[in-house]
PDB file of N, CA and C in Angstrom:
ATOM      1  N   MET A   1      -1.505 -21.297  32.719  1.00  0.00           N
ATOM      2  CA  MET A   1      -2.694 -20.798  32.196  1.00  0.00           C
ATOM      3  C   MET A   1      -2.613 -19.725  31.175  1.00  0.00           C
ATOM      4  N   ASN A   2      -2.997 -19.768  30.244  1.00  0.00           N
ATOM      5  CA  ASN A   2      -3.295 -18.695  28.882  1.00  0.00           C
ATOM      6  C   ASN A   2      -4.355 -17.494  29.396  1.00  0.00           C
ATOM      7  N   ASP A   3      -4.031 -16.487  29.415  1.00  0.00           N
ATOM      8  CA  ASP A   3      -4.912 -15.157  29.685  1.00  0.00           C
ATOM      9  C   ASP A   3      -5.182 -14.400  28.594  1.00  0.00           C
ATOM     10  N   ASP A   4      -4.832 -15.182  27.658  1.00  0.00           N
ATOM     11  CA  ASP A   4      -5.106 -14.465  26.453  1.00  0.00           C
ATOM     12  C   ASP A   4      -6.512 -14.240  25.793  1.00  0.00           C
ATOM     13  N   HIS A   5      -7.186 -13.445  25.015  1.00  0.00           N
ATOM     14  CA  HIS A   5      -8.432 -13.504  24.800  1.00  0.00           C
ATOM     15  C   HIS A   5      -8.424 -12.721  23.542  1.00  0.00           C
ATOM     16  N   LEU A   6      -9.541 -13.142  22.645  1.00  0.00           N
ATOM     17  CA  LEU A   6      -9.653 -12.164  21.571  1.00  0.00           C
ATOM     18  C   LEU A   6     -10.598 -10.646  21.635  1.00  0.00           C
ATOM     19  N   VAL A   7     -10.249  -9.873  21.052  1.00  0.00           N
ATOM     20  CA  VAL A   7     -11.026  -8.844  21.236  1.00  0.00           C
ATOM     21  C   VAL A   7     -11.092  -8.152  19.476  1.00  0.00           C
ATOM     22  N   THR A   8     -12.294  -7.419  19.453  1.00  0.00           N
ATOM     23  CA  THR A   8     -12.491  -7.162  18.199  1.00  0.00           C
ATOM     24  C   THR A   8     -12.377  -5.502  17.854  1.00  0.00           C
ATOM     25  N   ILE A   9     -11.592  -5.189  17.210  1.00  0.00           N
ATOM     26  CA  ILE A   9     -11.242  -3.922  16.729  1.00  0.00           C
ATOM     27  C   ILE A   9     -12.203  -3.263  15.506  1.00  0.00           C
ATOM     28  N   ARG A  10     -12.549  -2.599  15.558  1.00  0.00           N
ATOM     29  CA  ARG A  10     -13.590  -1.964  14.442  1.00  0.00           C
ATOM     30  C   ARG A  10     -12.828  -0.595  14.005  1.00  0.00           C
ATOM     31  N   LEU A  11     -12.564  -0.717  12.466  1.00  0.00           N
ATOM     32  CA  LEU A  11     -11.913   0.688  12.036  1.00  0.00           C
ATOM     33  C   LEU A  11     -13.065   0.924  10.954  1.00  0.00           C
ATOM     34  N   ARG A  12     -13.931   2.311  10.941  1.00  0.00           N
ATOM     35  CA  ARG A  12     -14.945   2.306   9.885  1.00  0.00           C
ATOM     36  C   ARG A  12     -14.556   3.648   9.075  1.00  0.00           C
ATOM     37  N   GLY A  13     -14.851   3.596   7.625  1.00  0.00           N
ATOM     38  CA  GLY A  13     -14.834   5.049   7.189  1.00  0.00           C
ATOM     39  C   GLY A  13     -13.707   5.614   6.756  1.00  0.00           C
ATOM     40  N   VAL A  14     -12.456   4.584   6.570  1.00  0.00           N
ATOM     41  CA  VAL A  14     -11.291   5.098   6.070  1.00  0.00           C
ATOM     42  C   VAL A  14     -11.433   5.418   4.569  1.00  0.00           C
ATOM     43  N   ARG A  15     -10.978   6.496   4.209  1.00  0.00           N
ATOM     44  CA  ARG A  15     -11.033   7.291   2.899  1.00  0.00           C
ATOM     45  C   ARG A  15      -9.943   7.114   2.014  1.00  0.00           C
ATOM     46  N   ALA A  16      -9.940   6.864   0.919  1.00  0.00           N
ATOM     47  CA  ALA A  16      -8.822   7.097  -0.031  1.00  0.00           C
ATOM     48  C   ALA A  16      -9.281   6.998  -1.456  1.00  0.00           C
ATOM     49  N   THR A  17      -8.523   7.813  -2.462  1.00  0.00           N
ATOM     50  CA  THR A  17      -8.664   7.859  -3.565  1.00  0.00           C
ATOM     51  C   THR A  17      -7.841   6.716  -4.297  1.00  0.00           C
ATOM     52  N   GLY A  18      -8.714   5.875  -5.042  1.00  0.00           N
ATOM     53  CA  GLY A  18      -7.853   4.808  -5.786  1.00  0.00           C
ATOM     54  C   GLY A  18      -8.426   5.201  -7.395  1.00  0.00           C
ATOM     55  N   PHE A  19      -7.501   4.300  -8.205  1.00  0.00           N
ATOM     56  CA  PHE A  19      -7.915   3.978  -9.725  1.00  0.00           C
ATOM     57  C   PHE A  19      -8.169   2.493 -10.043  1.00  0.00           C
ATOM     58  N   HIS A  20      -9.126   2.374  -9.435  1.00  0.00           N
ATOM     59  CA  HIS A  20      -9.351   0.909  -9.562  1.00  0.00           C
ATOM     60  C   HIS A  20     -10.928   0.952 -10.463  1.00  0.00           C
ATOM     61  N   GLY A  21     -11.077  -0.014 -11.288  1.00  0.00           N
ATOM     62  CA  GLY A  21     -12.284  -0.260 -11.949  1.00  0.00           C
ATOM     63  C   GLY A  21     -11.834  -0.947 -13.337  1.00  0.00           C
ATOM     64  N   VAL A  22     -12.965  -1.114 -14.054  1.00  0.00           N
ATOM     65  CA  VAL A  22     -12.680  -1.914 -15.470  1.00  0.00           C
ATOM     66  C   VAL A  22     -12.668  -0.985 -16.553  1.00  0.00           C
ATOM     67  N   PHE A  23     -13.338   0.490 -16.025  1.00  0.00           N
ATOM     68  CA  PHE A  23     -13.763   1.114 -17.411  1.00  0.00           C
ATOM     69  C   PHE A  23     -12.574   2.143 -17.351  1.00  0.00           C
ATOM     70  N   ALA A  24     -12.009   2.620 -18.333  1.00  0.00           N
ATOM     71  CA  ALA A  24     -10.647   3.511 -18.828  1.00  0.00           C
ATOM     72  C   ALA A  24     -10.849   4.669 -17.834  1.00  0.00           C
ATOM     73  N   PHE A  25     -12.151   5.404 -18.208  1.00  0.00           N
ATOM     74  CA  PHE A  25     -12.217   6.788 -16.749  1.00  0.00           C
ATOM     75  C   PHE A  25     -12.043   6.663 -15.319  1.00  0.00           C
ATOM     76  N   GLU A  26     -12.429   5.254 -15.089  1.00  0.00           N
ATOM     77  CA  GLU A  26     -11.947   4.952 -13.509  1.00  0.00           C
ATOM     78  C   GLU A  26     -10.545   5.191 -13.459  1.00  0.00           C
ATOM     79  N   ARG A  27      -9.852   4.304 -14.225  1.00  0.00           N
ATOM     80  CA  ARG A  27      -8.385   4.471 -13.977  1.00  0.00           C
ATOM     81  C   ARG A  27      -7.678   5.928 -14.285  1.00  0.00           C
ATOM     82  N   ARG A  28      -8.514   6.636 -15.119  1.00  0.00           N
ATOM     83  CA  ARG A  28      -7.681   7.960 -15.478  1.00  0.00           C
ATOM     84  C   ARG A  28      -8.178   8.929 -14.461  1.00  0.00           C
ATOM     85  N   GLU A  29      -9.389   8.984 -13.895  1.00  0.00           N
ATOM     86  CA  GLU A  29      -9.920   9.962 -13.179  1.00  0.00           C
ATOM     87  C   GLU A  29      -9.841   9.642 -11.727  1.00  0.00           C
ATOM     88  N   GLY A  30      -9.819   8.244 -11.495  1.00  0.00           N
ATOM     89  CA  GLY A  30      -9.808   7.854  -9.694  1.00  0.00           C
ATOM     90  C   GLY A  30     -11.441   8.279  -9.270  1.00  0.00           C
ATOM     91  N   GLN A  31     -11.398   7.563  -7.887  1.00  0.00           N
ATOM     92  CA  GLN A  31     -12.516   7.987  -7.150  1.00  0.00           C
ATOM     93  C   GLN A  31     -12.022   7.509  -5.858  1.00  0.00           C
ATOM     94  N   VAL A  32     -13.320   8.329  -4.947  1.00  0.00           N
ATOM     95  CA  VAL A  32     -13.024   7.794  -3.708  1.00  0.00           C
ATOM     96  C   VAL A  32     -13.560   6.105  -3.477  1.00  0.00           C
ATOM     97  N   PHE A  33     -12.860   5.480  -2.341  1.00  0.00           N
ATOM     98  CA  PHE A  33     -13.247   4.182  -1.968  1.00  0.00           C
ATOM     99  C   PHE A  33     -13.259   4.729  -0.399  1.00  0.00           C
ATOM    100  N   VAL A  34     -14.212   3.741   0.357  1.00  0.00           N
ATOM    101  CA  VAL A  34     -14.050   3.685   1.886  1.00  0.00           C
ATOM    102  C   VAL A  34     -13.899   2.508   2.234  1.00  0.00           C
ATOM    103  N   VAL A  35     -12.934   2.153   3.391  1.00  0.00           N
ATOM    104  CA  VAL A  35     -12.886   0.801   3.742  1.00  0.00           C
ATOM    105  C   VAL A  35     -13.512   0.704   5.298  1.00  0.00           C
ATOM    106  N   ASP A  36     -14.041  -0.460   5.620  1.00  0.00           N
ATOM    107  CA  ASP A  36     -14.362  -0.761   6.681  1.00  0.00           C
ATOM    108  C   ASP A  36     -13.796  -1.992   7.083  1.00  0.00           C
ATOM    109  N   ALA A  37     -12.832  -2.204   8.714  1.00  0.00           N
ATOM    110  CA  ALA A  37     -12.466  -3.316   9.125  1.00  0.00           C
ATOM    111  C   ALA A  37     -12.613  -3.734  10.346  1.00  0.00           C
ATOM    112  N   ASP A  38     -13.154  -5.340  10.424  1.00  0.00           N
ATOM    113  CA  ASP A  38     -13.114  -5.649  11.681  1.00  0.00           C
ATOM    114  C   ASP A  38     -12.204  -6.710  11.975  1.00  0.00           C
ATOM    115  N   LEU A  39     -11.059  -6.379  12.945  1.00  0.00           N
ATOM    116  CA  LEU A  39     -10.129  -7.228  13.392  1.00  0.00           C
ATOM    117  C   LEU A  39     -10.212  -8.323  14.683  1.00  0.00           C
ATOM    118  N   GLU A  40     -10.317  -9.234  14.638  1.00  0.00           N
ATOM    119  CA  GLU A  40     -10.015 -10.068  15.927  1.00  0.00           C
ATOM    120  C   GLU A  40      -8.679 -10.381  16.009  1.00  0.00           C
ATOM    121  N   VAL A  41      -8.401  -9.613  17.304  1.00  0.00           N
ATOM    122  CA  VAL A  41      -7.040  -9.753  17.684  1.00  0.00           C
ATOM    123  C   VAL A  41      -6.833 -10.329  18.779  1.00  0.00           C
ATOM    124  N   ARG A  42      -5.863 -11.205  18.830  1.00  0.00           N
ATOM    125  CA  ARG A  42      -5.480 -11.963  20.215  1.00  0.00           C
ATOM    126  C   ARG A  42      -4.444 -11.109  21.072  1.00  0.00           C
ATOM    127  N   ARG A  43      -4.911 -10.908  22.377  1.00  0.00           N
ATOM    128  CA  ARG A  43      -4.346 -10.092  23.179  1.00  0.00           C
ATOM    129  C   ARG A  43      -4.180 -10.362  24.730  1.00  0.00           C
ATOM    130  N   PRO A  44      -3.212 -10.093  25.470  1.00  0.00           N
ATOM    131  CA  PRO A  44      -3.207 -10.357  27.025  1.00  0.00           C
ATOM    132  C   PRO A  44      -4.382  -9.438  27.952  1.00  0.00           C
ATOM    133  N   SER A  45      -5.112 -10.641  28.367  1.00  0.00           N
ATOM    134  CA  SER A  45      -6.455  -9.766  28.849  1.00  0.00           C
ATOM    135  C   SER A  45      -6.224  -8.424  29.955  1.00  0.00           C
ATOM    136  N   LEU A  46      -5.061  -8.408  30.631  1.00  0.00           N
ATOM    137  CA  LEU A  46      -4.877  -7.441  31.617  1.00  0.00           C
ATOM    138  C   LEU A  46      -3.869  -6.442  30.761  1.00  0.00           C
ATOM    139  N   ALA A  47      -3.052  -6.706  29.675  1.00  0.00           N
ATOM    140  CA  ALA A  47      -2.157  -5.551  29.544  1.00  0.00           C
ATOM    141  C   ALA A  47      -2.918  -4.284  28.972  1.00  0.00           C
ATOM    142  N   ASP A  48      -2.197  -3.281  29.459  1.00  0.00           N
ATOM    143  CA  ASP A  48      -2.467  -1.974  28.894  1.00  0.00           C
ATOM    144  C   ASP A  48      -1.348  -1.166  28.226  1.00  0.00           C
ATOM    145  N   ASP A  49      -1.185  -1.836  27.224  1.00  0.00           N
ATOM    146  CA  ASP A  49       0.196  -1.343  26.470  1.00  0.00           C
ATOM    147  C   ASP A  49      -0.291  -1.504  24.883  1.00  0.00           C
ATOM    148  N   LEU A  50       0.533  -0.375  24.272  1.00  0.00           N
ATOM    149  CA  LEU A  50       0.049  -0.499  22.727  1.00  0.00           C
ATOM    150  C   LEU A  50       0.998  -1.720  22.070  1.00  0.00           C
ATOM    151  N   THR A  51       1.749  -1.920  22.550  1.00  0.00           N
ATOM    152  CA  THR A  51       2.767  -3.291  21.590  1.00  0.00           C
ATOM    153  C   THR A  51       1.826  -4.504  22.080  1.00  0.00           C
ATOM    154  N   THR A  52       0.838  -4.633  22.669  1.00  0.00           N
ATOM    155  CA  THR A  52       0.084  -6.010  22.823  1.00  0.00           C
ATOM    156  C   THR A  52      -1.164  -5.780  22.209  1.00  0.00           C
ATOM    157  N   THR A  53      -1.288  -4.895  21.069  1.00  0.00           N
ATOM    158  CA  THR A  53      -2.660  -4.942  20.490  1.00  0.00           C
ATOM    159  C   THR A  53      -2.210  -4.374  18.944  1.00  0.00           C
ATOM    160  N   VAL A  54      -3.238  -3.902  18.378  1.00  0.00           N
ATOM    161  CA  VAL A  54      -2.836  -3.345  16.853  1.00  0.00           C
ATOM    162  C   VAL A  54      -3.105  -1.899  17.010  1.00  0.00           C
ATOM    163  N   ASP A  55      -1.953  -1.330  16.220  1.00  0.00           N
ATOM    164  CA  ASP A  55      -2.131   0.237  16.440  1.00  0.00           C
ATOM    165  C   ASP A  55      -3.135   0.721  15.154  1.00  0.00           C
ATOM    166  N   TYR A  56      -4.095   1.240  15.595  1.00  0.00           N
ATOM    167  CA  TYR A  56      -4.868   1.198  14.443  1.00  0.00           C
ATOM    168  C   TYR A  56      -4.700   2.537  13.521  1.00  0.00           C
ATOM    169  N   GLY A  57      -3.954   3.344  14.049  1.00  0.00           N
ATOM    170  CA  GLY A  57      -3.723   4.459  13.416  1.00  0.00           C
ATOM    171  C   GLY A  57      -2.519   4.094  12.245  1.00  0.00           C
ATOM    172  N   GLY A  58      -1.661   3.329  12.498  1.00  0.00           N
ATOM    173  CA  GLY A  58      -1.031   2.761  11.459  1.00  0.00           C
ATOM    174  C   GLY A  58      -1.353   1.943  10.547  1.00  0.00           C
ATOM    175  N   LEU A  59      -2.277   1.082  11.073  1.00  0.00           N
ATOM    176  CA  LEU A  59      -3.307   0.455  10.161  1.00  0.00           C
ATOM    177  C   LEU A  59      -4.018   1.039   9.339  1.00  0.00           C
ATOM    178  N   ALA A  60      -4.740   2.149   9.540  1.00  0.00           N
ATOM    179  CA  ALA A  60      -5.570   3.052   8.659  1.00  0.00           C
ATOM    180  C   ALA A  60      -4.601   3.619   7.780  1.00  0.00           C
ATOM    181  N   ASP A  61      -3.063   4.175   8.226  1.00  0.00           N
ATOM    182  CA  ASP A  61      -2.389   4.871   7.352  1.00  0.00           C
ATOM    183  C   ASP A  61      -1.980   3.553   6.015  1.00  0.00           C
ATOM    184  N   ALA A  62      -1.640   2.358   6.400  1.00  0.00           N
ATOM    185  CA  ALA A  62      -1.355   1.058   5.724  1.00  0.00           C
ATOM    186  C   ALA A  62      -2.555   0.825   4.577  1.00  0.00           C
ATOM    187  N   LEU A  63      -3.995   0.909   4.945  1.00  0.00           N
ATOM    188  CA  LEU A  63      -5.230   0.565   4.244  1.00  0.00           C
ATOM    189  C   LEU A  63      -5.016   1.684   3.252  1.00  0.00           C
ATOM    190  N   VAL A  64      -4.946   2.797   3.635  1.00  0.00           N
ATOM    191  CA  VAL A  64      -4.735   4.184   2.461  1.00  0.00           C
ATOM    192  C   VAL A  64      -3.844   3.882   1.597  1.00  0.00           C
ATOM    193  N   ALA A  65      -2.814   3.354   2.362  1.00  0.00           N
ATOM    194  CA  ALA A  65      -1.571   3.406   0.942  1.00  0.00           C
ATOM    195  C   ALA A  65      -1.976   2.207  -0.112  1.00  0.00           C
ATOM    196  N   ASP A  66      -2.351   1.148   0.399  1.00  0.00           N
ATOM    197  CA  ASP A  66      -3.100  -0.237  -0.486  1.00  0.00           C
ATOM    198  C   ASP A  66      -4.007   0.239  -1.438  1.00  0.00           C
ATOM    199  N   VAL A  67      -5.017   1.269  -1.215  1.00  0.00           N
ATOM    200  CA  VAL A  67      -6.056   1.866  -2.056  1.00  0.00           C
ATOM    201  C   VAL A  67      -5.131   2.915  -3.017  1.00  0.00           C
ATOM    202  N   GLU A  68      -4.228   3.460  -2.659  1.00  0.00           N
ATOM    203  CA  GLU A  68      -3.625   4.288  -3.461  1.00  0.00           C
ATOM    204  C   GLU A  68      -2.895   3.604  -4.440  1.00  0.00           C
ATOM    205  N   ARG A  69      -2.137   2.401  -4.185  1.00  0.00           N
ATOM    206  CA  ARG A  69      -1.210   1.909  -5.217  1.00  0.00           C
ATOM    207  C   ARG A  69      -1.622   1.203  -6.196  1.00  0.00           C
ATOM    208  N   ASP A  70      -0.910   0.450  -6.764  1.00  0.00           N
ATOM    209  CA  ASP A  70      -1.178  -0.132  -8.139  1.00  0.00           C
ATOM    210  C   ASP A  70      -2.676  -0.141  -8.239  1.00  0.00           C
ATOM    211  N   PRO A  71      -3.459  -0.026  -9.528  1.00  0.00           N
ATOM    212  CA  PRO A  71      -5.024  -0.108  -9.541  1.00  0.00           C
ATOM    213  C   PRO A  71      -5.319  -1.448  -9.887  1.00  0.00           C
ATOM    214  N   VAL A  72      -6.374  -2.066  -9.457  1.00  0.00           N
ATOM    215  CA  VAL A  72      -6.768  -3.170  -9.930  1.00  0.00           C
ATOM    216  C   VAL A  72      -8.489  -3.193 -10.732  1.00  0.00           C
ATOM    217  N   ASP A  73      -8.973  -4.228 -11.141  1.00  0.00           N
ATOM    218  CA  ASP A  73      -9.995  -3.971 -12.032  1.00  0.00           C
ATOM    219  C   ASP A  73     -11.216  -4.082 -10.815  1.00  0.00           C
ATOM    220  N   LEU A  74     -11.192  -4.903 -10.109  1.00  0.00           N
ATOM    221  CA  LEU A  74     -12.353  -5.515  -9.272  1.00  0.00           C
ATOM    222  C   LEU A  74     -12.044  -5.061  -7.835  1.00  0.00           C
ATOM    223  N   ILE A  75     -13.277  -4.612  -7.355  1.00  0.00           N
ATOM    224  CA  ILE A  75     -12.708  -4.146  -5.786  1.00  0.00           C
ATOM    225  C   ILE A  75     -12.925  -5.389  -4.683  1.00  0.00           C
ATOM    226  N   GLU A  76     -13.278  -6.769  -5.449  1.00  0.00           N
ATOM    227  CA  GLU A  76     -12.998  -7.754  -4.892  1.00  0.00           C
ATOM    228  C   GLU A  76     -11.513  -8.045  -4.254  1.00  0.00           C
ATOM    229  N   THR A  77     -10.888  -7.701  -5.649  1.00  0.00           N
ATOM    230  CA  THR A  77      -9.546  -8.124  -5.408  1.00  0.00           C
ATOM    231  C   THR A  77      -8.868  -6.976  -4.448  1.00  0.00           C
ATOM    232  N   LEU A  78      -9.249  -5.882  -4.457  1.00  0.00           N
ATOM    233  CA  LEU A  78      -8.656  -4.835  -3.577  1.00  0.00           C
ATOM    234  C   LEU A  78      -9.240  -5.083  -1.976  1.00  0.00           C
ATOM    235  N   ALA A  79     -10.206  -5.836  -1.967  1.00  0.00           N
ATOM    236  CA  ALA A  79     -10.548  -6.063  -0.511  1.00  0.00           C
ATOM    237  C   ALA A  79      -9.738  -7.356  -0.152  1.00  0.00           C
ATOM    238  N   GLY A  80      -9.405  -8.097  -1.045  1.00  0.00           N
ATOM    239  CA  GLY A  80      -8.525  -9.205  -0.440  1.00  0.00           C
ATOM    240  C   GLY A  80      -6.912  -8.690  -0.202  1.00  0.00           C
ATOM    241  N   ARG A  81      -6.555  -7.436  -0.833  1.00  0.00           N
ATOM    242  CA  ARG A  81      -5.265  -6.861  -0.586  1.00  0.00           C
ATOM    243  C   ARG A  81      -5.375  -6.417   0.502  1.00  0.00           C
ATOM    244  N   LEU A  82      -6.594  -5.801   0.878  1.00  0.00           N
ATOM    245  CA  LEU A  82      -6.604  -4.938   2.583  1.00  0.00           C
ATOM    246  C   LEU A  82      -6.679  -5.968   3.593  1.00  0.00           C
ATOM    247  N   ALA A  83      -7.448  -7.055   3.071  1.00  0.00           N
ATOM    248  CA  ALA A  83      -7.345  -7.972   4.106  1.00  0.00           C
ATOM    249  C   ALA A  83      -5.756  -8.624   4.282  1.00  0.00           C
ATOM    250  N   GLU A  84      -5.291  -9.025   3.690  1.00  0.00           N
ATOM    251  CA  GLU A  84      -3.989  -9.555   3.558  1.00  0.00           C
ATOM    252  C   GLU A  84      -2.746  -8.500   4.522  1.00  0.00           C
ATOM    253  N   THR A  85      -3.366  -7.052   4.380  1.00  0.00           N
ATOM    254  CA  THR A  85      -2.246  -6.106   4.870  1.00  0.00           C
ATOM    255  C   THR A  85      -2.525  -6.249   6.451  1.00  0.00           C
ATOM    256  N   CYS A  86      -3.769  -6.493   6.706  1.00  0.00           N
ATOM    257  CA  CYS A  86      -4.424  -6.545   8.120  1.00  0.00           C
ATOM    258  C   CYS A  86      -4.097  -7.910   8.922  1.00  0.00           C
ATOM    259  N   LEU A  87      -3.757  -9.116   8.278  1.00  0.00           N
ATOM    260  CA  LEU A  87      -3.500  -9.758   8.462  1.00  0.00           C
ATOM    261  C   LEU A  87      -1.997 -10.188   8.810  1.00  0.00           C
ATOM    262  N   ALA A  88      -1.246  -9.087   8.116  1.00  0.00           N
ATOM    263  CA  ALA A  88       0.437  -9.285   8.376  1.00  0.00           C
ATOM    264  C   ALA A  88       0.811  -9.149   9.720  1.00  0.00           C
ATOM    265  N   ASP A  89      -0.467  -8.189  10.427  1.00  0.00           N
ATOM    266  CA  ASP A  89      -0.088  -8.048  12.018  1.00  0.00           C
ATOM    267  C   ASP A  89      -0.010  -9.313  12.673  1.00  0.00           C
ATOM    268  N   PRO A  90       0.971  -9.653  13.233  1.00  0.00           N
ATOM    269  CA  PRO A  90       0.810 -10.971  13.938  1.00  0.00           C
ATOM    270  C   PRO A  90      -0.118 -11.280  14.777  1.00  0.00           C
ATOM    271  N   LEU A  91      -0.739 -10.493  15.439  1.00  0.00           N
ATOM    272  CA  LEU A  91      -1.633 -10.504  16.679  1.00  0.00           C
ATOM    273  C   LEU A  91      -3.158 -10.579  15.798  1.00  0.00           C
ATOM    274  N   VAL A  92      -3.358 -10.069  14.565  1.00  0.00           N
ATOM    275  CA  VAL A  92      -4.707 -10.271  13.552  1.00  0.00           C
ATOM    276  C   VAL A  92      -4.685 -11.708  13.719  1.00  0.00           C
ATOM    277  N   GLU A  93      -5.827 -12.328  14.213  1.00  0.00           N
ATOM    278  CA  GLU A  93      -6.337 -13.613  13.734  1.00  0.00           C
ATOM    279  C   GLU A  93      -7.075 -13.721  12.936  1.00  0.00           C
ATOM    280  N   ARG A  94      -8.082 -13.156  12.678  1.00  0.00           N
ATOM    281  CA  ARG A  94      -9.292 -12.921  11.646  1.00  0.00           C
ATOM    282  C   ARG A  94      -9.538 -11.613  11.280  1.00  0.00           C
ATOM    283  N   VAL A  95      -9.944 -11.124   9.817  1.00  0.00           N
ATOM    284  CA  VAL A  95     -10.337 -10.121   9.699  1.00  0.00           C
ATOM    285  C   VAL A  95     -11.617 -10.179   8.563  1.00  0.00           C
ATOM    286  N   THR A  96     -12.279  -9.066   8.767  1.00  0.00           N
ATOM    287  CA  THR A  96     -13.301  -8.828   7.419  1.00  0.00           C
ATOM    288  C   THR A  96     -13.405  -7.284   7.214  1.00  0.00           C
ATOM    289  N   VAL A  97     -13.082  -7.253   5.923  1.00  0.00           N
ATOM    290  CA  VAL A  97     -12.666  -5.819   5.243  1.00  0.00           C
ATOM    291  C   VAL A  97     -14.074  -5.926   4.020  1.00  0.00           C
ATOM    292  N   THR A  98     -14.748  -4.673   4.197  1.00  0.00           N
ATOM    293  CA  THR A  98     -15.433  -4.301   3.250  1.00  0.00           C
ATOM    294  C   THR A  98     -15.297  -3.012   2.858  1.00  0.00           C
ATOM    295  N   VAL A  99     -15.230  -2.926   1.242  1.00  0.00           N
ATOM    296  CA  VAL A  99     -14.698  -1.813   0.508  1.00  0.00           C
ATOM    297  C   VAL A  99     -15.939  -1.386   0.007  1.00  0.00           C
ATOM    298  N   HIS A 100     -16.301   0.117  -0.019  1.00  0.00           N
ATOM    299  CA  HIS A 100     -17.344   0.643  -0.551  1.00  0.00           C
ATOM    300  C   HIS A 100     -17.008   1.618  -1.556  1.00  0.00           C
ATOM    301  N   LYS A 101     -17.557   1.426  -2.601  1.00  0.00           N
ATOM    302  CA  LYS A 101     -17.304   2.039  -4.101  1.00  0.00           C
ATOM    303  C   LYS A 101     -18.539   3.030  -4.196  1.00  0.00           C
ATOM    304  N   PRO A 102     -18.909   4.286  -3.429  1.00  0.00           N
ATOM    305  CA  PRO A 102     -19.869   5.132  -3.580  1.00  0.00           C
ATOM    306  C   PRO A 102     -20.301   5.908  -4.775  1.00  0.00           C
ATOM    307  N   ASN A 103     -18.934   5.627  -5.844  1.00  0.00           N
ATOM    308  CA  ASN A 103     -19.163   6.438  -6.887  1.00  0.00           C
ATOM    309  C   ASN A 103     -19.331   5.438  -8.174  1.00  0.00           C
ATOM    310  N   ALA A 104     -19.706   3.904  -7.697  1.00  0.00           N
ATOM    311  CA  ALA A 104     -19.441   2.942  -8.947  1.00  0.00           C
ATOM    312  C   ALA A 104     -20.564   3.780 -10.016  1.00  0.00           C
ATOM    313  N   PRO A 105     -20.012   3.390 -11.356  1.00  0.00           N
ATOM    314  CA  PRO A 105     -20.709   4.044 -12.489  1.00  0.00           C
ATOM    315  C   PRO A 105     -21.763   2.680 -12.803  1.00  0.00           C
ATOM    316  N   ILE A 106     -23.045   3.375 -12.031  1.00  0.00           N
ATOM    317  CA  ILE A 106     -24.101   2.701 -12.059  1.00  0.00           C
ATOM    318  C   ILE A 106     -25.094   3.535 -12.974  1.00  0.00           C
ATOM    319  N   ALA A 107     -25.983   3.212 -13.723  1.00  0.00           N
ATOM    320  CA  ALA A 107     -26.950   4.239 -14.378  1.00  0.00           C
ATOM    321  C   ALA A 107     -28.152   4.500 -13.433  1.00  0.00           C
ATOM    322  N   VAL A 108     -28.605   3.747 -12.830  1.00  0.00           N
ATOM    323  CA  VAL A 108     -30.002   4.204 -12.009  1.00  0.00           C
ATOM    324  C   VAL A 108     -29.314   4.375 -10.316  1.00  0.00           C
ATOM    325  N   PRO A 109     -30.221   5.389  -9.553  1.00  0.00           N
ATOM    326  CA  PRO A 109     -29.759   5.736  -8.405  1.00  0.00           C
ATOM    327  C   PRO A 109     -29.686   4.506  -7.348  1.00  0.00           C
ATOM    328  N   PHE A 110     -28.566   4.596  -6.751  1.00  0.00           N
ATOM    329  CA  PHE A 110     -28.322   3.551  -5.642  1.00  0.00           C
ATOM    330  C   PHE A 110     -27.755   4.166  -4.433  1.00  0.00           C
ATOM    331  N   GLY A 111     -27.887   3.462  -3.317  1.00  0.00           N
ATOM    332  CA  GLY A 111     -27.256   3.945  -2.024  1.00  0.00           C
ATOM    333  C   GLY A 111     -25.742   3.691  -1.509  1.00  0.00           C
ATOM    334  N   ASP A 112     -25.194   2.433  -2.174  1.00  0.00           N
ATOM    335  CA  ASP A 112     -23.909   1.747  -2.151  1.00  0.00           C
ATOM    336  C   ASP A 112     -23.307   0.604  -2.865  1.00  0.00           C
ATOM    337  N   VAL A 113     -22.595   0.499  -3.080  1.00  0.00           N
ATOM    338  CA  VAL A 113     -21.905  -0.685  -3.469  1.00  0.00           C
ATOM    339  C   VAL A 113     -20.749  -0.968  -2.691  1.00  0.00           C
ATOM    340  N   SER A 114     -20.659  -2.127  -2.228  1.00  0.00           N
ATOM    341  CA  SER A 114     -19.763  -2.867  -1.728  1.00  0.00           C
ATOM    342  C   SER A 114     -19.170  -4.123  -1.569  1.00  0.00           C
ATOM    343  N   VAL A 115     -17.973  -4.602  -1.190  1.00  0.00           N
ATOM    344  CA  VAL A 115     -17.744  -6.026  -1.136  1.00  0.00           C
ATOM    345  C   VAL A 115     -17.154  -6.396   0.008  1.00  0.00           C
ATOM    346  N   THR A 116     -17.260  -7.521   0.482  1.00  0.00           N
ATOM    347  CA  THR A 116     -16.900  -7.768   1.954  1.00  0.00           C
ATOM    348  C   THR A 116     -15.913  -9.001   1.679  1.00  0.00           C
ATOM    349  N   CYS A 117     -15.125  -9.010   2.453  1.00  0.00           N
ATOM    350  CA  CYS A 117     -13.967 -10.351   2.326  1.00  0.00           C
ATOM    351  C   CYS A 117     -13.610 -10.794   3.860  1.00  0.00           C
ATOM    352  N   THR A 118     -13.531 -11.951   4.159  1.00  0.00           N
ATOM    353  CA  THR A 118     -13.302 -12.229   5.329  1.00  0.00           C
ATOM    354  C   THR A 118     -12.087 -13.437   5.053  1.00  0.00           C
ATOM    355  N   ARG A 119     -11.067 -13.159   5.666  1.00  0.00           N
ATOM    356  CA  ARG A 119      -9.711 -14.158   5.971  1.00  0.00           C
ATOM    357  C   ARG A 119      -9.122 -14.362   7.094  1.00  0.00           C
ATOM    358  N   ARG A 120      -8.671 -15.208   7.256  1.00  0.00           N
ATOM    359  CA  ARG A 120      -8.136 -15.896   8.741  1.00  0.00           C
ATOM    360  C   ARG A 120      -6.627 -16.251   8.689  1.00  0.00           C
ATOM    361  N   LYS A 121      -5.950 -16.259   9.609  1.00  0.00           N
ATOM    362  CA  LYS A 121      -4.513 -16.895   9.478  1.00  0.00           C
ATOM    363  C   LYS A 121      -4.678 -18.378   9.474  1.00  0.00           C
ATOM    364  N   SER A 122      -4.098 -19.214   8.731  1.00  0.00           N
ATOM    365  CA  SER A 122      -4.338 -20.577   8.330  1.00  0.00           C
ATOM    366  C   SER A 122      -3.382 -21.285   9.698  1.00  0.00           C
TER     367      SER A 122
END
């Protein structure tokens, strides 16, 4: 009998500076991006050991590194990159990543711009 089950790990508000965007000033000056990730993780139900789950501290570091590396035009592309990083962990079955761009170049007052990407292992 398999005693594995899915748990959801939520990581909210991971901040990093990236140089993403379609405008030259975004690529030149950079801006803060905020990342949320919801991970569905398969793990033993009674295990109390870090090796049986996702190290969310290490994952946060990896997400920051992804935001800080080579620029892309669209936050949709960035969200996909971040989702793939999450799925690289063998225990992650499915992930939903939201990338917020709080300083998006929009001429009117706004609260938030974000893109959400959901991926699962095939």
